[in-house]
Amino acid sequence: MKKTNTYWVLGLLAFLYFGIGCQSASNQNSTSSKETTQSTAPKLAEHELVANNISSIISASKDHSTLLEAMKISGIESVLEGNGAYTFFAPNNAAFDILPEATKAFMLNSKTKFKSNSVLSYHLVVGKFKLADLKDGQVLTTKHGGTLKIVFKDGSPTVNGAKMTTTDIEAGNGVVHMIDAVLLPAVHK
């Protein structure tokens, strides 16, 4: 059993290192052009912060301290503080707690900043999508370049199987939906 767990953790680390890194690097240039054409918010200087931004909402939540730590390590915090119209699916502390310990440690390691950014970018969609805008079966493209599928199960919204526990938290640069799982991008072979 212990040998199986070791192989599983090693496989997951390989997935995070190779699968996400390669995919993220190839999507970096195409993502920036999408941001330019899709954003309807007024342009701000890069250093200007948007009041009541997505990052400040996460910072104010005691249930999202692990996410906040990962945001700071990965560098995505600056994106979530700045100009844009975003939808962010924010996993709570319990979501990080159910991850294998090695995966959580990997995401919270400053030496793996680029990989952590890829995982958190998979939670971010360019464009503001409130719950009323989301339809059953709808597919959203993430800043990471992957896709998220919205499904309503017994009237409750989910994103890639993660339950949206709190929805439509307004931010100056978009909207936040709290979720109960960390979303991990698929590996493309």
C-alpha atoms as a PDB file:
ATOM      1  CA  MET A   1       0.000   0.000   0.000  1.00  0.00           C
ATOM      2  CA  LYS A   2       2.820   2.379   0.925  1.00  0.00           C
ATOM      3  CA  LYS A   3       4.561   1.657  -2.382  1.00  0.00           C
ATOM      4  CA  THR A   4       1.331   2.450  -4.287  1.00  0.00           C
ATOM      5  CA  ASN A   5       0.976   5.790  -2.466  1.00  0.00           C
ATOM      6  CA  THR A   6       4.579   6.651  -3.289  1.00  0.00           C
ATOM      7  CA  TYR A   7       4.015   5.938  -6.984  1.00  0.00           C
ATOM      8  CA  TRP A   8       0.809   7.966  -6.943  1.00  0.00           C
ATOM      9  CA  VAL A   9       2.535  10.985  -5.372  1.00  0.00           C
ATOM     10  CA  LEU A  10       5.467  10.732  -7.789  1.00  0.00           C
ATOM     11  CA  GLY A  11       3.061  10.519 -10.708  1.00  0.00           C
ATOM     12  CA  LEU A  12       1.154  13.566  -9.506  1.00  0.00           C
ATOM     13  CA  LEU A  13       4.357  15.551  -9.080  1.00  0.00           C
ATOM     14  CA  ALA A  14       5.435  14.584 -12.593  1.00  0.00           C
ATOM     15  CA  PHE A  15       2.024  15.698 -13.887  1.00  0.00           C
ATOM     16  CA  LEU A  16       2.326  19.055 -12.158  1.00  0.00           C
ATOM     17  CA  TYR A  17       5.898  19.579 -13.297  1.00  0.00           C
ATOM     18  CA  PHE A  18       5.709  18.451 -16.920  1.00  0.00           C
ATOM     19  CA  GLY A  19       2.047  18.609 -17.896  1.00  0.00           C
ATOM     20  CA  ILE A  20       1.161  22.001 -16.485  1.00  0.00           C
ATOM     21  CA  GLY A  21       4.465  23.710 -17.214  1.00  0.00           C
ATOM     22  CA  CYS A  22       4.528  22.790 -20.882  1.00  0.00           C
ATOM     23  CA  GLN A  23       0.893  23.684 -21.403  1.00  0.00           C
ATOM     24  CA  SER A  24       1.170  26.973 -19.527  1.00  0.00           C
ATOM     25  CA  ALA A  25       4.221  28.144 -21.464  1.00  0.00           C
ATOM     26  CA  SER A  26       2.520  27.500 -24.806  1.00  0.00           C
ATOM     27  CA  ASN A  27      -0.619  29.344 -23.723  1.00  0.00           C
ATOM     28  CA  GLN A  28       1.097  32.385 -22.215  1.00  0.00           C
ATOM     29  CA  ASN A  29       1.231  34.437 -25.430  1.00  0.00           C
ATOM     30  CA  SER A  30      -2.298  33.595 -26.605  1.00  0.00           C
ATOM     31  CA  THR A  31      -3.736  34.405 -23.180  1.00  0.00           C
ATOM     32  CA  SER A  32      -2.393  37.954 -23.166  1.00  0.00           C
ATOM     33  CA  SER A  33      -4.029  38.720 -26.515  1.00  0.00           C
ATOM     34  CA  LYS A  34      -7.366  37.382 -25.216  1.00  0.00           C
ATOM     35  CA  GLU A  35      -7.149  39.687 -22.208  1.00  0.00           C
ATOM     36  CA  THR A  36      -6.689  42.711 -24.422  1.00  0.00           C
ATOM     37  CA  THR A  37      -9.705  41.999 -26.607  1.00  0.00           C
ATOM     38  CA  GLN A  38     -12.102  40.748 -23.931  1.00  0.00           C
ATOM     39  CA  SER A  39     -11.605  43.305 -21.169  1.00  0.00           C
ATOM     40  CA  THR A  40     -14.286  45.994 -21.045  1.00  0.00           C
ATOM     41  CA  ALA A  41     -13.012  47.732 -17.899  1.00  0.00           C
ATOM     42  CA  PRO A  42     -11.199  51.060 -18.250  1.00  0.00           C
ATOM     43  CA  LYS A  43      -7.442  50.717 -18.675  1.00  0.00           C
ATOM     44  CA  LEU A  44      -5.347  51.415 -15.602  1.00  0.00           C
ATOM     45  CA  ALA A  45      -1.627  51.696 -15.222  1.00  0.00           C
ATOM     46  CA  GLU A  46      -0.151  48.295 -14.370  1.00  0.00           C
ATOM     47  CA  HIS A  47       0.704  49.400 -10.846  1.00  0.00           C
ATOM     48  CA  GLU A  48      -2.768  50.751 -10.069  1.00  0.00           C
ATOM     49  CA  LEU A  49      -4.941  48.577  -7.889  1.00  0.00           C
ATOM     50  CA  VAL A  50      -8.656  48.170  -8.357  1.00  0.00           C
ATOM     51  CA  ALA A  51     -10.637  48.957  -5.189  1.00  0.00           C
ATOM     52  CA  ASN A  52     -12.324  45.925  -3.601  1.00  0.00           C
ATOM     53  CA  ASN A  53     -10.471  43.631  -5.986  1.00  0.00           C
ATOM     54  CA  ILE A  54     -10.583  39.826  -6.104  1.00  0.00           C
ATOM     55  CA  SER A  55      -7.362  39.547  -4.117  1.00  0.00           C
ATOM     56  CA  SER A  56      -8.707  41.749  -1.301  1.00  0.00           C
ATOM     57  CA  ILE A  57     -11.844  39.589  -1.085  1.00  0.00           C
ATOM     58  CA  ILE A  58      -9.708  36.457  -0.695  1.00  0.00           C
ATOM     59  CA  SER A  59      -7.490  38.247   1.861  1.00  0.00           C
ATOM     60  CA  ALA A  60     -10.522  39.139   3.985  1.00  0.00           C
ATOM     61  CA  SER A  61     -11.748  35.528   4.161  1.00  0.00           C
ATOM     62  CA  LYS A  62     -10.490  33.365   7.030  1.00  0.00           C
ATOM     63  CA  ASP A  63     -11.612  30.316   5.024  1.00  0.00           C
ATOM     64  CA  HIS A  64      -9.160  31.071   2.190  1.00  0.00           C
ATOM     65  CA  SER A  65      -5.798  31.560   3.954  1.00  0.00           C
ATOM     66  CA  THR A  66      -4.174  28.642   2.101  1.00  0.00           C
ATOM     67  CA  LEU A  67      -5.381  30.021  -1.236  1.00  0.00           C
ATOM     68  CA  LEU A  68      -4.013  33.447  -0.303  1.00  0.00           C
ATOM     69  CA  GLU A  69      -0.624  31.901   0.509  1.00  0.00           C
ATOM     70  CA  ALA A  70      -0.601  30.076  -2.856  1.00  0.00           C
ATOM     71  CA  MET A  71      -1.605  33.300  -4.648  1.00  0.00           C
ATOM     72  CA  LYS A  72       1.304  35.183  -3.096  1.00  0.00           C
ATOM     73  CA  ILE A  73       3.811  32.416  -3.885  1.00  0.00           C
ATOM     74  CA  SER A  74       2.619  31.980  -7.480  1.00  0.00           C
ATOM     75  CA  GLY A  75       2.481  35.678  -8.327  1.00  0.00           C
ATOM     76  CA  ILE A  76      -1.143  35.539  -9.511  1.00  0.00           C
ATOM     77  CA  GLU A  77      -2.098  37.894  -6.679  1.00  0.00           C
ATOM     78  CA  SER A  78      -0.988  40.894  -8.768  1.00  0.00           C
ATOM     79  CA  VAL A  79      -3.347  39.841 -11.599  1.00  0.00           C
ATOM     80  CA  LEU A  80      -6.234  39.531  -9.130  1.00  0.00           C
ATOM     81  CA  GLU A  81      -5.486  43.001  -7.726  1.00  0.00           C
ATOM     82  CA  GLY A  82      -5.359  44.773 -11.065  1.00  0.00           C
ATOM     83  CA  ASN A  83      -7.492  45.840 -13.952  1.00  0.00           C
ATOM     84  CA  GLY A  84      -9.712  43.340 -15.721  1.00  0.00           C
ATOM     85  CA  ALA A  85     -13.064  41.667 -15.782  1.00  0.00           C
ATOM     86  CA  TYR A  86     -12.504  38.239 -14.243  1.00  0.00           C
ATOM     87  CA  THR A  87     -14.359  35.310 -12.757  1.00  0.00           C
ATOM     88  CA  PHE A  88     -12.362  33.515 -10.074  1.00  0.00           C
ATOM     89  CA  PHE A  89     -13.311  30.130  -8.640  1.00  0.00           C
ATOM     90  CA  ALA A  90     -11.760  30.256  -5.148  1.00  0.00           C
ATOM     91  CA  PRO A  91     -11.075  26.949  -3.368  1.00  0.00           C
ATOM     92  CA  ASN A  92     -11.446  27.119   0.418  1.00  0.00           C
ATOM     93  CA  ASN A  93      -8.976  25.799   3.020  1.00  0.00           C
ATOM     94  CA  ALA A  94     -10.837  22.483   3.235  1.00  0.00           C
ATOM     95  CA  ALA A  95     -10.281  22.014  -0.515  1.00  0.00           C
ATOM     96  CA  PHE A  96      -6.516  22.268  -0.020  1.00  0.00           C
ATOM     97  CA  ASP A  97      -6.701  19.976   3.015  1.00  0.00           C
ATOM     98  CA  ILE A  98      -8.098  17.092   0.945  1.00  0.00           C
ATOM     99  CA  LEU A  99      -5.235  17.278  -1.551  1.00  0.00           C
ATOM    100  CA  PRO A 100      -2.443  14.759  -1.072  1.00  0.00           C
ATOM    101  CA  GLU A 101       0.125  16.350   1.254  1.00  0.00           C
ATOM    102  CA  ALA A 102       2.827  16.247  -1.438  1.00  0.00           C
ATOM    103  CA  THR A 103       0.619  18.138  -3.905  1.00  0.00           C
ATOM    104  CA  LYS A 104      -0.248  20.791  -1.345  1.00  0.00           C
ATOM    105  CA  ALA A 105       3.421  21.179  -0.354  1.00  0.00           C
ATOM    106  CA  PHE A 106       4.382  21.421  -4.032  1.00  0.00           C
ATOM    107  CA  MET A 107       1.845  24.215  -4.629  1.00  0.00           C
ATOM    108  CA  LEU A 108       3.014  26.146  -1.566  1.00  0.00           C
ATOM    109  CA  ASN A 109       6.721  25.942  -2.400  1.00  0.00           C
ATOM    110  CA  SER A 110       8.281  29.160  -3.696  1.00  0.00           C
ATOM    111  CA  LYS A 111      10.640  27.089  -5.896  1.00  0.00           C
ATOM    112  CA  THR A 112       7.639  25.828  -7.902  1.00  0.00           C
ATOM    113  CA  LYS A 113       6.116  29.292  -8.409  1.00  0.00           C
ATOM    114  CA  PHE A 114       5.546  28.834 -12.151  1.00  0.00           C
ATOM    115  CA  LYS A 115       3.673  25.553 -11.659  1.00  0.00           C
ATOM    116  CA  SER A 116       1.529  26.987  -8.840  1.00  0.00           C
ATOM    117  CA  ASN A 117       0.652  29.913 -11.096  1.00  0.00           C
ATOM    118  CA  SER A 118      -0.509  27.434 -13.751  1.00  0.00           C
ATOM    119  CA  VAL A 119      -2.814  25.661 -11.307  1.00  0.00           C
ATOM    120  CA  LEU A 120      -4.287  28.919  -9.960  1.00  0.00           C
ATOM    121  CA  SER A 121      -4.667  30.348 -13.486  1.00  0.00           C
ATOM    122  CA  TYR A 122      -6.878  27.324 -14.147  1.00  0.00           C
ATOM    123  CA  HIS A 123      -9.321  28.838 -11.592  1.00  0.00           C
ATOM    124  CA  LEU A 124      -9.441  32.199 -13.427  1.00  0.00           C
ATOM    125  CA  VAL A 125     -11.666  33.050 -16.391  1.00  0.00           C
ATOM    126  CA  VAL A 126     -11.379  36.280 -18.368  1.00  0.00           C
ATOM    127  CA  GLY A 127     -14.818  37.902 -18.289  1.00  0.00           C
ATOM    128  CA  LYS A 128     -17.314  38.425 -15.497  1.00  0.00           C
ATOM    129  CA  PHE A 129     -19.741  35.506 -15.176  1.00  0.00           C
ATOM    130  CA  LYS A 130     -22.271  35.799 -12.366  1.00  0.00           C
ATOM    131  CA  LEU A 131     -24.325  32.736 -11.473  1.00  0.00           C
ATOM    132  CA  ALA A 132     -27.263  33.979 -13.568  1.00  0.00           C
ATOM    133  CA  ASP A 133     -24.927  34.112 -16.601  1.00  0.00           C
ATOM    134  CA  LEU A 134     -23.876  30.462 -16.237  1.00  0.00           C
ATOM    135  CA  LYS A 135     -25.837  27.740 -18.012  1.00  0.00           C
ATOM    136  CA  ASP A 136     -25.914  23.984 -17.454  1.00  0.00           C
ATOM    137  CA  GLY A 137     -23.275  22.378 -19.684  1.00  0.00           C
ATOM    138  CA  GLN A 138     -21.537  25.677 -20.418  1.00  0.00           C
ATOM    139  CA  VAL A 139     -17.779  25.466 -21.012  1.00  0.00           C
ATOM    140  CA  LEU A 140     -15.530  28.350 -19.955  1.00  0.00           C
ATOM    141  CA  THR A 141     -11.948  28.864 -21.124  1.00  0.00           C
ATOM    142  CA  THR A 142      -9.523  29.645 -18.313  1.00  0.00           C
ATOM    143  CA  LYS A 143      -6.609  32.057 -18.270  1.00  0.00           C
ATOM    144  CA  HIS A 144      -4.480  28.888 -18.134  1.00  0.00           C
ATOM    145  CA  GLY A 145      -5.932  27.858 -21.502  1.00  0.00           C
ATOM    146  CA  GLY A 146      -7.889  24.888 -20.172  1.00  0.00           C
ATOM    147  CA  THR A 147     -11.635  24.526 -19.929  1.00  0.00           C
ATOM    148  CA  LEU A 148     -14.096  24.367 -17.059  1.00  0.00           C
ATOM    149  CA  LYS A 149     -17.549  22.824 -17.387  1.00  0.00           C
ATOM    150  CA  ILE A 150     -20.501  24.209 -15.481  1.00  0.00           C
ATOM    151  CA  VAL A 151     -23.092  21.642 -14.378  1.00  0.00           C
ATOM    152  CA  PHE A 152     -26.146  22.148 -12.205  1.00  0.00           C
ATOM    153  CA  LYS A 153     -26.732  19.063  -9.998  1.00  0.00           C
ATOM    154  CA  ASP A 154     -30.109  19.123  -8.256  1.00  0.00           C
ATOM    155  CA  GLY A 155     -30.171  22.891  -8.777  1.00  0.00           C
ATOM    156  CA  SER A 156     -26.714  23.412  -7.224  1.00  0.00           C
ATOM    157  CA  PRO A 157     -23.953  24.837  -9.447  1.00  0.00           C
ATOM    158  CA  THR A 158     -20.680  22.955  -9.902  1.00  0.00           C
ATOM    159  CA  VAL A 159     -17.541  23.670 -11.876  1.00  0.00           C
ATOM    160  CA  ASN A 160     -15.611  20.577 -13.020  1.00  0.00           C
ATOM    161  CA  GLY A 161     -17.352  18.701 -10.206  1.00  0.00           C
ATOM    162  CA  ALA A 162     -16.476  21.213  -7.459  1.00  0.00           C
ATOM    163  CA  LYS A 163     -19.513  22.593  -5.663  1.00  0.00           C
ATOM    164  CA  MET A 164     -19.920  26.374  -5.679  1.00  0.00           C
ATOM    165  CA  THR A 165     -20.535  27.022  -1.983  1.00  0.00           C
ATOM    166  CA  THR A 166     -20.949  30.814  -2.242  1.00  0.00           C
ATOM    167  CA  THR A 167     -21.570  32.672  -5.493  1.00  0.00           C
ATOM    168  CA  ASP A 168     -21.628  36.198  -6.907  1.00  0.00           C
ATOM    169  CA  ILE A 169     -19.198  37.952  -4.557  1.00  0.00           C
ATOM    170  CA  GLU A 170     -18.751  41.237  -6.387  1.00  0.00           C
ATOM    171  CA  ALA A 171     -15.284  42.711  -6.862  1.00  0.00           C
ATOM    172  CA  GLY A 172     -14.156  45.877  -8.589  1.00  0.00           C
ATOM    173  CA  ASN A 173     -12.435  43.719 -11.201  1.00  0.00           C
ATOM    174  CA  GLY A 174     -14.888  40.831 -11.502  1.00  0.00           C
ATOM    175  CA  VAL A 175     -16.736  38.235  -9.455  1.00  0.00           C
ATOM    176  CA  VAL A 176     -15.715  35.430  -7.084  1.00  0.00           C
ATOM    177  CA  HIS A 177     -17.395  32.058  -6.632  1.00  0.00           C
ATOM    178  CA  MET A 178     -16.195  30.032  -3.632  1.00  0.00           C
ATOM    179  CA  ILE A 179     -15.695  26.308  -4.339  1.00  0.00           C
ATOM    180  CA  ASP A 180     -15.020  23.187  -2.262  1.00  0.00           C
ATOM    181  CA  ALA A 181     -12.201  21.642  -4.350  1.00  0.00           C
ATOM    182  CA  VAL A 182      -8.932  22.621  -5.991  1.00  0.00           C
ATOM    183  CA  LEU A 183      -9.310  22.365  -9.762  1.00  0.00           C
ATOM    184  CA  LEU A 184      -6.401  20.594 -11.452  1.00  0.00           C
ATOM    185  CA  PRO A 185      -5.841  20.914 -15.203  1.00  0.00           C
ATOM    186  CA  ALA A 186      -5.909  17.799 -17.367  1.00  0.00           C
ATOM    187  CA  VAL A 187      -2.653  16.423 -18.723  1.00  0.00           C
ATOM    188  CA  HIS A 188      -2.410  16.367 -22.521  1.00  0.00           C
ATOM    189  CA  LYS A 189      -0.276  13.591 -23.988  1.00  0.00           C
END
